[in-house]
């Protein structure tokens, strides 16, 4: 009896869809300073002089090992290095976004997507140390998506802030005062403290239990069927209905959300690596089914 071997969907996709690898919409591993041409950098106008933005940064100089998403052919230990609110004499609330762009214009991917990347937030002594990564989808790239204080203003898309060391309090009634916050535009859609699950399980040995600093975190945002889901190290953190824009660009960034101090210019930073945008899984499934149907038609002709 002849046995048929059923390929996994991903393998079937590669086998029957010509040029399947081209389904990748965007990728940058920050191999050199030339990566700056693929992004648009925006910053809070009052504090731009305090930013540090280095494309192609050798993060081994910070004692950081190779990012988990690095592929063969990528330059070793090269990434995007960001700092906010440094090289100043007084502290300010400051954030910056680095948005996927073409010719200096934010890319509108125009469909549901999966956005993923590697992220390392540096933390030293837990004094004046609360800073946060920023990242999201469906942005127009025109402004800066960042926490703007107790009253949230000026943001667009579906985006997140994630604190490095668990420094936000867990009792504040201010909606955006948590270690993890999911925003749709200026509205808080979800929020959690570092002492809540799944953070305690994900990061038991962080600067504080449940804090993601000083480790590689694989971040994945999936937009599908009207919902947006965030995964950290393949663990679902949030799943919200998207009541905001359904297309636009993607961004990564960094922020010092408090004006009381500058923080350590040595220890406080974020490194990003291996940024990638692909069609969301349902679209990939449709491509695979279309490819399989085309293969059957070729066999019958």
C-alpha atoms as a PDB file:
ATOM      1  CA  UNK A   1       0.000   0.000   0.000  1.00  0.00           C
ATOM      2  CA  UNK A   2       1.337   3.401  -0.950  1.00  0.00           C
ATOM      3  CA  UNK A   3       1.500   5.852   1.919  1.00  0.00           C
ATOM      4  CA  UNK A   4       1.001   9.579   1.456  1.00  0.00           C
ATOM      5  CA  UNK A   5       3.214  11.873   3.492  1.00  0.00           C
ATOM      6  CA  UNK A   6       1.438  15.018   4.696  1.00  0.00           C
ATOM      7  CA  UNK A   7       3.787  17.963   5.031  1.00  0.00           C
ATOM      8  CA  UNK A   8       3.278  20.486   7.820  1.00  0.00           C
ATOM      9  CA  UNK A   9       1.596  23.611   6.509  1.00  0.00           C
ATOM     10  CA  UNK A  10       4.810  25.639   6.610  1.00  0.00           C
ATOM     11  CA  UNK A  11       6.655  22.983   4.647  1.00  0.00           C
ATOM     12  CA  UNK A  12       3.789  22.689   2.177  1.00  0.00           C
ATOM     13  CA  UNK A  13       3.858  26.443   1.697  1.00  0.00           C
ATOM     14  CA  UNK A  14       7.544  26.402   0.846  1.00  0.00           C
ATOM     15  CA  UNK A  15       7.079  23.407  -1.426  1.00  0.00           C
ATOM     16  CA  UNK A  16       4.207  24.661  -3.555  1.00  0.00           C
ATOM     17  CA  UNK A  17       4.236  28.459  -3.469  1.00  0.00           C
ATOM     18  CA  UNK A  18       6.823  29.864  -5.878  1.00  0.00           C
ATOM     19  CA  UNK A  19       9.042  32.407  -4.109  1.00  0.00           C
ATOM     20  CA  UNK A  20       7.487  31.678  -0.706  1.00  0.00           C
ATOM     21  CA  UNK A  21      10.362  33.408   1.076  1.00  0.00           C
ATOM     22  CA  UNK A  22       9.189  36.657  -0.541  1.00  0.00           C
ATOM     23  CA  UNK A  23       6.179  36.556   1.809  1.00  0.00           C
ATOM     24  CA  UNK A  24       8.479  38.279   4.306  1.00  0.00           C
ATOM     25  CA  UNK A  25       7.478  41.938   4.157  1.00  0.00           C
ATOM     26  CA  UNK A  26      10.400  43.503   6.017  1.00  0.00           C
ATOM     27  CA  UNK A  27      13.532  42.412   7.849  1.00  0.00           C
ATOM     28  CA  UNK A  28      16.537  44.233   9.275  1.00  0.00           C
ATOM     29  CA  UNK A  29      19.262  42.739  11.474  1.00  0.00           C
ATOM     30  CA  UNK A  30      21.057  46.087  11.996  1.00  0.00           C
ATOM     31  CA  UNK A  31      24.248  44.641  10.554  1.00  0.00           C
ATOM     32  CA  UNK A  32      25.762  48.097  10.024  1.00  0.00           C
ATOM     33  CA  UNK A  33      25.061  51.802  10.236  1.00  0.00           C
ATOM     34  CA  UNK A  34      23.509  51.525   6.754  1.00  0.00           C
ATOM     35  CA  UNK A  35      20.360  50.125   8.418  1.00  0.00           C
ATOM     36  CA  UNK A  36      19.434  53.693   9.326  1.00  0.00           C
ATOM     37  CA  UNK A  37      18.175  54.116   5.740  1.00  0.00           C
ATOM     38  CA  UNK A  38      15.382  51.613   6.464  1.00  0.00           C
ATOM     39  CA  UNK A  39      13.910  53.541   9.385  1.00  0.00           C
ATOM     40  CA  UNK A  40      12.458  56.882  10.380  1.00  0.00           C
ATOM     41  CA  UNK A  41      13.501  58.173  13.822  1.00  0.00           C
ATOM     42  CA  UNK A  42      11.210  60.548  15.706  1.00  0.00           C
ATOM     43  CA  UNK A  43      11.743  61.941  19.192  1.00  0.00           C
ATOM     44  CA  UNK A  44      10.187  64.256  21.768  1.00  0.00           C
ATOM     45  CA  UNK A  45      11.227  67.683  20.532  1.00  0.00           C
ATOM     46  CA  UNK A  46      12.182  68.996  23.956  1.00  0.00           C
ATOM     47  CA  UNK A  47      14.624  66.192  24.651  1.00  0.00           C
ATOM     48  CA  UNK A  48      16.084  65.060  21.346  1.00  0.00           C
ATOM     49  CA  UNK A  49      19.563  66.196  22.351  1.00  0.00           C
ATOM     50  CA  UNK A  50      19.527  63.567  25.087  1.00  0.00           C
ATOM     51  CA  UNK A  51      18.957  60.635  22.737  1.00  0.00           C
ATOM     52  CA  UNK A  52      21.523  58.091  21.620  1.00  0.00           C
ATOM     53  CA  UNK A  53      20.617  56.157  18.444  1.00  0.00           C
ATOM     54  CA  UNK A  54      23.293  53.827  17.055  1.00  0.00           C
ATOM     55  CA  UNK A  55      22.582  51.489  14.136  1.00  0.00           C
ATOM     56  CA  UNK A  56      24.985  48.546  13.782  1.00  0.00           C
ATOM     57  CA  UNK A  57      26.051  48.794  17.439  1.00  0.00           C
ATOM     58  CA  UNK A  58      28.329  45.969  18.650  1.00  0.00           C
ATOM     59  CA  UNK A  59      26.413  44.903  21.739  1.00  0.00           C
ATOM     60  CA  UNK A  60      29.114  42.455  22.779  1.00  0.00           C
ATOM     61  CA  UNK A  61      30.808  45.581  24.196  1.00  0.00           C
ATOM     62  CA  UNK A  62      28.016  45.527  26.790  1.00  0.00           C
ATOM     63  CA  UNK A  63      28.688  41.869  27.574  1.00  0.00           C
ATOM     64  CA  UNK A  64      25.551  40.739  25.702  1.00  0.00           C
ATOM     65  CA  UNK A  65      25.519  37.411  23.841  1.00  0.00           C
ATOM     66  CA  UNK A  66      24.166  36.914  20.329  1.00  0.00           C
ATOM     67  CA  UNK A  67      20.414  37.502  19.979  1.00  0.00           C
ATOM     68  CA  UNK A  68      18.316  34.335  19.600  1.00  0.00           C
ATOM     69  CA  UNK A  69      16.737  35.389  16.284  1.00  0.00           C
ATOM     70  CA  UNK A  70      20.026  35.929  14.449  1.00  0.00           C
ATOM     71  CA  UNK A  71      20.293  34.104  11.111  1.00  0.00           C
ATOM     72  CA  UNK A  72      23.275  32.734   9.216  1.00  0.00           C
ATOM     73  CA  UNK A  73      24.868  35.579   7.307  1.00  0.00           C
ATOM     74  CA  UNK A  74      23.925  38.274   9.817  1.00  0.00           C
ATOM     75  CA  UNK A  75      26.736  40.262  11.382  1.00  0.00           C
ATOM     76  CA  UNK A  76      27.463  38.897  14.863  1.00  0.00           C
ATOM     77  CA  UNK A  77      26.323  40.902  17.891  1.00  0.00           C
ATOM     78  CA  UNK A  78      25.183  43.904  15.886  1.00  0.00           C
ATOM     79  CA  UNK A  79      21.937  45.665  16.722  1.00  0.00           C
ATOM     80  CA  UNK A  80      20.184  48.973  17.304  1.00  0.00           C
ATOM     81  CA  UNK A  81      21.247  50.729  20.520  1.00  0.00           C
ATOM     82  CA  UNK A  82      18.924  53.343  22.036  1.00  0.00           C
ATOM     83  CA  UNK A  83      19.112  55.600  25.062  1.00  0.00           C
ATOM     84  CA  UNK A  84      16.785  58.401  26.112  1.00  0.00           C
ATOM     85  CA  UNK A  85      17.238  61.412  28.373  1.00  0.00           C
ATOM     86  CA  UNK A  86      21.025  61.107  28.572  1.00  0.00           C
ATOM     87  CA  UNK A  87      23.731  63.723  27.870  1.00  0.00           C
ATOM     88  CA  UNK A  88      21.511  66.356  29.473  1.00  0.00           C
ATOM     89  CA  UNK A  89      21.903  68.442  32.617  1.00  0.00           C
ATOM     90  CA  UNK A  90      18.328  67.994  33.880  1.00  0.00           C
ATOM     91  CA  UNK A  91      15.797  65.222  33.447  1.00  0.00           C
ATOM     92  CA  UNK A  92      12.751  65.418  31.191  1.00  0.00           C
ATOM     93  CA  UNK A  93      10.065  62.997  30.046  1.00  0.00           C
ATOM     94  CA  UNK A  94      11.486  61.732  26.789  1.00  0.00           C
ATOM     95  CA  UNK A  95      10.652  59.049  24.246  1.00  0.00           C
ATOM     96  CA  UNK A  96      11.771  58.074  20.769  1.00  0.00           C
ATOM     97  CA  UNK A  97      10.404  55.827  18.022  1.00  0.00           C
ATOM     98  CA  UNK A  98      12.260  54.086  15.198  1.00  0.00           C
ATOM     99  CA  UNK A  99       9.716  53.234  12.501  1.00  0.00           C
ATOM    100  CA  UNK A 100      10.101  50.955   9.461  1.00  0.00           C
ATOM    101  CA  UNK A 101      10.318  53.267   6.451  1.00  0.00           C
ATOM    102  CA  UNK A 102      11.152  53.504   2.774  1.00  0.00           C
ATOM    103  CA  UNK A 103      12.804  56.661   1.536  1.00  0.00           C
ATOM    104  CA  UNK A 104      12.170  58.381   4.852  1.00  0.00           C
ATOM    105  CA  UNK A 105       8.430  57.640   4.732  1.00  0.00           C
ATOM    106  CA  UNK A 106       6.790  55.174   7.137  1.00  0.00           C
ATOM    107  CA  UNK A 107       5.779  51.952   5.362  1.00  0.00           C
ATOM    108  CA  UNK A 108       2.063  51.193   5.351  1.00  0.00           C
ATOM    109  CA  UNK A 109       1.985  47.392   5.243  1.00  0.00           C
ATOM    110  CA  UNK A 110      -1.733  47.550   4.422  1.00  0.00           C
ATOM    111  CA  UNK A 111      -2.717  44.197   5.897  1.00  0.00           C
ATOM    112  CA  UNK A 112      -2.777  42.144   9.076  1.00  0.00           C
ATOM    113  CA  UNK A 113       0.781  41.252  10.064  1.00  0.00           C
ATOM    114  CA  UNK A 114       3.043  39.527  12.533  1.00  0.00           C
ATOM    115  CA  UNK A 115       5.816  41.769  13.890  1.00  0.00           C
ATOM    116  CA  UNK A 116       8.687  40.181  15.831  1.00  0.00           C
ATOM    117  CA  UNK A 117      12.136  41.066  17.130  1.00  0.00           C
ATOM    118  CA  UNK A 118      14.738  40.458  19.848  1.00  0.00           C
ATOM    119  CA  UNK A 119      15.044  42.963  22.711  1.00  0.00           C
ATOM    120  CA  UNK A 120      17.492  43.461  25.591  1.00  0.00           C
ATOM    121  CA  UNK A 121      16.898  46.175  28.220  1.00  0.00           C
ATOM    122  CA  UNK A 122      19.897  47.029  30.356  1.00  0.00           C
ATOM    123  CA  UNK A 123      19.530  47.648  34.098  1.00  0.00           C
ATOM    124  CA  UNK A 124      22.126  48.413  36.769  1.00  0.00           C
ATOM    125  CA  UNK A 125      21.515  49.577  40.321  1.00  0.00           C
ATOM    126  CA  UNK A 126      17.816  49.981  41.109  1.00  0.00           C
ATOM    127  CA  UNK A 127      18.013  53.713  41.762  1.00  0.00           C
ATOM    128  CA  UNK A 128      16.433  56.200  39.338  1.00  0.00           C
ATOM    129  CA  UNK A 129      16.326  53.254  36.962  1.00  0.00           C
ATOM    130  CA  UNK A 130      12.756  52.941  35.635  1.00  0.00           C
ATOM    131  CA  UNK A 131      12.862  53.194  31.850  1.00  0.00           C
ATOM    132  CA  UNK A 132      10.899  51.312  29.224  1.00  0.00           C
ATOM    133  CA  UNK A 133      10.856  49.798  25.777  1.00  0.00           C
ATOM    134  CA  UNK A 134       8.249  51.024  23.292  1.00  0.00           C
ATOM    135  CA  UNK A 135       6.974  49.012  20.324  1.00  0.00           C
ATOM    136  CA  UNK A 136       3.860  48.576  18.235  1.00  0.00           C
ATOM    137  CA  UNK A 137       2.033  48.323  14.927  1.00  0.00           C
ATOM    138  CA  UNK A 138      -0.317  50.327  12.690  1.00  0.00           C
ATOM    139  CA  UNK A 139       1.398  53.657  13.297  1.00  0.00           C
ATOM    140  CA  UNK A 140       1.656  56.500  10.798  1.00  0.00           C
ATOM    141  CA  UNK A 141       5.191  57.281  12.021  1.00  0.00           C
ATOM    142  CA  UNK A 142       4.464  60.989  12.200  1.00  0.00           C
ATOM    143  CA  UNK A 143       4.818  61.474  15.951  1.00  0.00           C
ATOM    144  CA  UNK A 144       6.130  59.641  18.997  1.00  0.00           C
ATOM    145  CA  UNK A 145       4.195  56.876  20.720  1.00  0.00           C
ATOM    146  CA  UNK A 146       5.301  57.151  24.332  1.00  0.00           C
ATOM    147  CA  UNK A 147       3.920  57.587  27.822  1.00  0.00           C
ATOM    148  CA  UNK A 148       3.276  61.312  28.215  1.00  0.00           C
ATOM    149  CA  UNK A 149       2.439  61.419  31.919  1.00  0.00           C
ATOM    150  CA  UNK A 150      -0.822  60.828  33.746  1.00  0.00           C
ATOM    151  CA  UNK A 151      -2.772  62.256  30.786  1.00  0.00           C
ATOM    152  CA  UNK A 152      -1.933  60.276  27.652  1.00  0.00           C
ATOM    153  CA  UNK A 153      -1.721  62.303  24.405  1.00  0.00           C
ATOM    154  CA  UNK A 154      -0.304  62.248  20.891  1.00  0.00           C
ATOM    155  CA  UNK A 155      -0.203  58.491  20.199  1.00  0.00           C
ATOM    156  CA  UNK A 156      -1.575  56.331  17.390  1.00  0.00           C
ATOM    157  CA  UNK A 157      -1.735  52.666  16.422  1.00  0.00           C
ATOM    158  CA  UNK A 158      -1.629  49.647  18.722  1.00  0.00           C
ATOM    159  CA  UNK A 159       1.438  49.804  20.927  1.00  0.00           C
ATOM    160  CA  UNK A 160       3.050  48.878  24.232  1.00  0.00           C
ATOM    161  CA  UNK A 161       5.374  50.092  26.940  1.00  0.00           C
ATOM    162  CA  UNK A 162       7.330  47.528  28.949  1.00  0.00           C
ATOM    163  CA  UNK A 163       9.369  48.646  31.953  1.00  0.00           C
ATOM    164  CA  UNK A 164      12.857  47.287  32.428  1.00  0.00           C
ATOM    165  CA  UNK A 165      12.934  46.660  36.197  1.00  0.00           C
ATOM    166  CA  UNK A 166       9.465  46.619  37.714  1.00  0.00           C
ATOM    167  CA  UNK A 167       9.659  50.150  39.054  1.00  0.00           C
ATOM    168  CA  UNK A 168       6.026  51.160  38.579  1.00  0.00           C
ATOM    169  CA  UNK A 169       3.784  50.814  41.605  1.00  0.00           C
ATOM    170  CA  UNK A 170       0.960  48.288  41.587  1.00  0.00           C
ATOM    171  CA  UNK A 171      -1.683  50.439  43.299  1.00  0.00           C
ATOM    172  CA  UNK A 172      -1.811  53.604  41.195  1.00  0.00           C
ATOM    173  CA  UNK A 173      -5.210  54.476  39.752  1.00  0.00           C
ATOM    174  CA  UNK A 174      -3.548  56.237  36.795  1.00  0.00           C
ATOM    175  CA  UNK A 175      -4.394  53.963  33.836  1.00  0.00           C
ATOM    176  CA  UNK A 176      -0.930  54.005  32.230  1.00  0.00           C
ATOM    177  CA  UNK A 177       1.039  53.510  35.458  1.00  0.00           C
ATOM    178  CA  UNK A 178       1.965  49.828  35.262  1.00  0.00           C
ATOM    179  CA  UNK A 179       5.095  47.936  34.250  1.00  0.00           C
ATOM    180  CA  UNK A 180       3.304  46.653  31.158  1.00  0.00           C
ATOM    181  CA  UNK A 181       0.682  48.725  29.318  1.00  0.00           C
ATOM    182  CA  UNK A 182      -1.059  48.046  25.996  1.00  0.00           C
ATOM    183  CA  UNK A 183      -2.421  51.161  24.293  1.00  0.00           C
ATOM    184  CA  UNK A 184      -4.757  51.687  21.362  1.00  0.00           C
ATOM    185  CA  UNK A 185      -3.967  55.246  20.444  1.00  0.00           C
ATOM    186  CA  UNK A 186      -4.082  57.073  23.775  1.00  0.00           C
ATOM    187  CA  UNK A 187      -6.440  54.606  25.431  1.00  0.00           C
ATOM    188  CA  UNK A 188      -5.194  51.883  27.776  1.00  0.00           C
ATOM    189  CA  UNK A 189      -6.477  48.503  26.572  1.00  0.00           C
ATOM    190  CA  UNK A 190      -4.580  46.266  29.011  1.00  0.00           C
ATOM    191  CA  UNK A 191      -2.073  46.649  31.835  1.00  0.00           C
ATOM    192  CA  UNK A 192      -0.199  44.429  34.277  1.00  0.00           C
ATOM    193  CA  UNK A 193       2.362  44.680  37.075  1.00  0.00           C
ATOM    194  CA  UNK A 194       5.651  42.759  37.046  1.00  0.00           C
ATOM    195  CA  UNK A 195       4.384  40.813  40.087  1.00  0.00           C
ATOM    196  CA  UNK A 196       1.493  39.376  38.033  1.00  0.00           C
ATOM    197  CA  UNK A 197       1.485  36.373  35.734  1.00  0.00           C
ATOM    198  CA  UNK A 198       2.740  35.587  33.212  1.00  0.00           C
ATOM    199  CA  UNK A 199       5.638  37.897  34.123  1.00  0.00           C
ATOM    200  CA  UNK A 200       6.616  36.079  37.316  1.00  0.00           C
ATOM    201  CA  UNK A 201       6.967  32.809  35.416  1.00  0.00           C
ATOM    202  CA  UNK A 202       8.630  34.403  32.393  1.00  0.00           C
ATOM    203  CA  UNK A 203      11.238  36.441  34.299  1.00  0.00           C
ATOM    204  CA  UNK A 204      11.773  34.926  37.762  1.00  0.00           C
ATOM    205  CA  UNK A 205      15.363  36.183  37.947  1.00  0.00           C
ATOM    206  CA  UNK A 206      14.914  39.722  36.635  1.00  0.00           C
ATOM    207  CA  UNK A 207      16.165  42.877  38.364  1.00  0.00           C
ATOM    208  CA  UNK A 208      12.965  42.358  40.375  1.00  0.00           C
ATOM    209  CA  UNK A 209      10.935  39.169  40.070  1.00  0.00           C
ATOM    210  CA  UNK A 210       8.847  39.404  36.917  1.00  0.00           C
ATOM    211  CA  UNK A 211      10.914  42.195  35.313  1.00  0.00           C
ATOM    212  CA  UNK A 212      12.443  41.529  31.864  1.00  0.00           C
ATOM    213  CA  UNK A 213      15.670  43.541  32.192  1.00  0.00           C
ATOM    214  CA  UNK A 214      19.123  42.073  31.526  1.00  0.00           C
ATOM    215  CA  UNK A 215      17.909  39.224  29.318  1.00  0.00           C
ATOM    216  CA  UNK A 216      16.997  38.620  25.702  1.00  0.00           C
ATOM    217  CA  UNK A 217      13.254  38.763  25.138  1.00  0.00           C
ATOM    218  CA  UNK A 218      11.719  37.529  21.904  1.00  0.00           C
ATOM    219  CA  UNK A 219       8.748  39.798  21.195  1.00  0.00           C
ATOM    220  CA  UNK A 220       5.949  38.894  18.782  1.00  0.00           C
ATOM    221  CA  UNK A 221       2.828  40.919  17.950  1.00  0.00           C
ATOM    222  CA  UNK A 222       0.154  39.093  15.961  1.00  0.00           C
ATOM    223  CA  UNK A 223      -2.690  40.994  14.301  1.00  0.00           C
ATOM    224  CA  UNK A 224      -5.428  38.627  13.190  1.00  0.00           C
ATOM    225  CA  UNK A 225      -9.211  38.506  12.911  1.00  0.00           C
ATOM    226  CA  UNK A 226      -9.737  41.894  14.520  1.00  0.00           C
ATOM    227  CA  UNK A 227      -7.577  41.146  17.576  1.00  0.00           C
ATOM    228  CA  UNK A 228      -3.987  41.991  18.465  1.00  0.00           C
ATOM    229  CA  UNK A 229      -1.984  39.566  20.605  1.00  0.00           C
ATOM    230  CA  UNK A 230       1.364  40.092  22.315  1.00  0.00           C
ATOM    231  CA  UNK A 231       3.728  37.189  23.005  1.00  0.00           C
ATOM    232  CA  UNK A 232       6.947  37.393  25.031  1.00  0.00           C
ATOM    233  CA  UNK A 233       9.239  34.368  24.640  1.00  0.00           C
ATOM    234  CA  UNK A 234       6.312  32.545  22.974  1.00  0.00           C
ATOM    235  CA  UNK A 235       4.027  33.154  25.972  1.00  0.00           C
ATOM    236  CA  UNK A 236       0.747  35.015  25.413  1.00  0.00           C
ATOM    237  CA  UNK A 237       0.704  38.215  27.470  1.00  0.00           C
ATOM    238  CA  UNK A 238      -2.382  39.955  26.103  1.00  0.00           C
ATOM    239  CA  UNK A 239      -5.168  39.551  23.553  1.00  0.00           C
ATOM    240  CA  UNK A 240      -7.294  42.631  22.853  1.00  0.00           C
ATOM    241  CA  UNK A 241      -9.874  43.646  20.277  1.00  0.00           C
ATOM    242  CA  UNK A 242      -8.365  46.215  17.943  1.00  0.00           C
ATOM    243  CA  UNK A 243     -10.585  49.287  18.014  1.00  0.00           C
ATOM    244  CA  UNK A 244      -7.893  51.427  16.375  1.00  0.00           C
ATOM    245  CA  UNK A 245      -6.131  51.528  12.989  1.00  0.00           C
ATOM    246  CA  UNK A 246      -5.889  48.237  11.082  1.00  0.00           C
ATOM    247  CA  UNK A 247      -2.916  49.108   8.892  1.00  0.00           C
ATOM    248  CA  UNK A 248       0.245  51.165   9.048  1.00  0.00           C
ATOM    249  CA  UNK A 249       3.897  50.717   9.942  1.00  0.00           C
ATOM    250  CA  UNK A 250       5.746  49.105  12.849  1.00  0.00           C
ATOM    251  CA  UNK A 251       8.060  50.730  15.348  1.00  0.00           C
ATOM    252  CA  UNK A 252      10.468  50.054  18.185  1.00  0.00           C
ATOM    253  CA  UNK A 253      11.682  52.635  20.664  1.00  0.00           C
ATOM    254  CA  UNK A 254      12.685  53.630  24.154  1.00  0.00           C
ATOM    255  CA  UNK A 255      11.681  56.074  26.870  1.00  0.00           C
ATOM    256  CA  UNK A 256      12.603  57.622  30.166  1.00  0.00           C
ATOM    257  CA  UNK A 257       9.052  58.242  31.436  1.00  0.00           C
ATOM    258  CA  UNK A 258       9.994  60.393  34.435  1.00  0.00           C
ATOM    259  CA  UNK A 259      11.578  63.826  34.656  1.00  0.00           C
ATOM    260  CA  UNK A 260      13.057  63.479  38.133  1.00  0.00           C
ATOM    261  CA  UNK A 261      16.480  62.167  37.085  1.00  0.00           C
ATOM    262  CA  UNK A 262      18.688  61.268  34.146  1.00  0.00           C
ATOM    263  CA  UNK A 263      19.526  57.741  35.276  1.00  0.00           C
ATOM    264  CA  UNK A 264      22.727  55.876  34.487  1.00  0.00           C
ATOM    265  CA  UNK A 265      24.217  56.591  31.060  1.00  0.00           C
ATOM    266  CA  UNK A 266      26.151  53.320  31.361  1.00  0.00           C
ATOM    267  CA  UNK A 267      23.510  50.863  32.495  1.00  0.00           C
ATOM    268  CA  UNK A 268      20.179  52.095  31.089  1.00  0.00           C
ATOM    269  CA  UNK A 269      19.569  51.317  27.413  1.00  0.00           C
ATOM    270  CA  UNK A 270      17.793  48.999  25.024  1.00  0.00           C
ATOM    271  CA  UNK A 271      19.222  46.891  22.200  1.00  0.00           C
ATOM    272  CA  UNK A 272      17.016  45.612  19.383  1.00  0.00           C
ATOM    273  CA  UNK A 273      17.943  43.001  16.801  1.00  0.00           C
ATOM    274  CA  UNK A 274      16.349  40.927  14.023  1.00  0.00           C
ATOM    275  CA  UNK A 275      13.263  43.012  13.295  1.00  0.00           C
ATOM    276  CA  UNK A 276      10.875  41.168  10.974  1.00  0.00           C
ATOM    277  CA  UNK A 277       7.405  41.695   9.523  1.00  0.00           C
ATOM    278  CA  UNK A 278       5.506  38.859   7.832  1.00  0.00           C
ATOM    279  CA  UNK A 279       1.859  38.366   6.826  1.00  0.00           C
ATOM    280  CA  UNK A 280      -0.211  37.143   9.742  1.00  0.00           C
ATOM    281  CA  UNK A 281      -0.732  33.356   9.961  1.00  0.00           C
ATOM    282  CA  UNK A 282      -4.175  33.252   8.314  1.00  0.00           C
ATOM    283  CA  UNK A 283      -2.772  35.015   5.254  1.00  0.00           C
ATOM    284  CA  UNK A 284       0.073  32.517   5.095  1.00  0.00           C
ATOM    285  CA  UNK A 285      -2.475  29.686   5.282  1.00  0.00           C
ATOM    286  CA  UNK A 286      -4.395  31.157   2.364  1.00  0.00           C
ATOM    287  CA  UNK A 287      -1.182  31.409   0.373  1.00  0.00           C
ATOM    288  CA  UNK A 288      -0.467  27.779   1.094  1.00  0.00           C
ATOM    289  CA  UNK A 289      -3.965  26.679   0.105  1.00  0.00           C
ATOM    290  CA  UNK A 290      -3.758  28.720  -3.064  1.00  0.00           C
ATOM    291  CA  UNK A 291      -0.409  27.160  -3.862  1.00  0.00           C
ATOM    292  CA  UNK A 292      -1.757  23.657  -3.262  1.00  0.00           C
ATOM    293  CA  UNK A 293      -4.726  24.373  -5.526  1.00  0.00           C
ATOM    294  CA  UNK A 294      -2.392  25.631  -8.233  1.00  0.00           C
ATOM    295  CA  UNK A 295      -0.306  22.492  -7.927  1.00  0.00           C
ATOM    296  CA  UNK A 296      -3.406  20.310  -8.319  1.00  0.00           C
ATOM    297  CA  UNK A 297      -4.451  22.269 -11.420  1.00  0.00           C
ATOM    298  CA  UNK A 298      -1.011  21.772 -12.950  1.00  0.00           C
ATOM    299  CA  UNK A 299      -1.208  18.034 -12.298  1.00  0.00           C
ATOM    300  CA  UNK A 300      -4.631  17.782 -13.982  1.00  0.00           C
ATOM    301  CA  UNK A 301      -3.644  19.793 -17.071  1.00  0.00           C
END
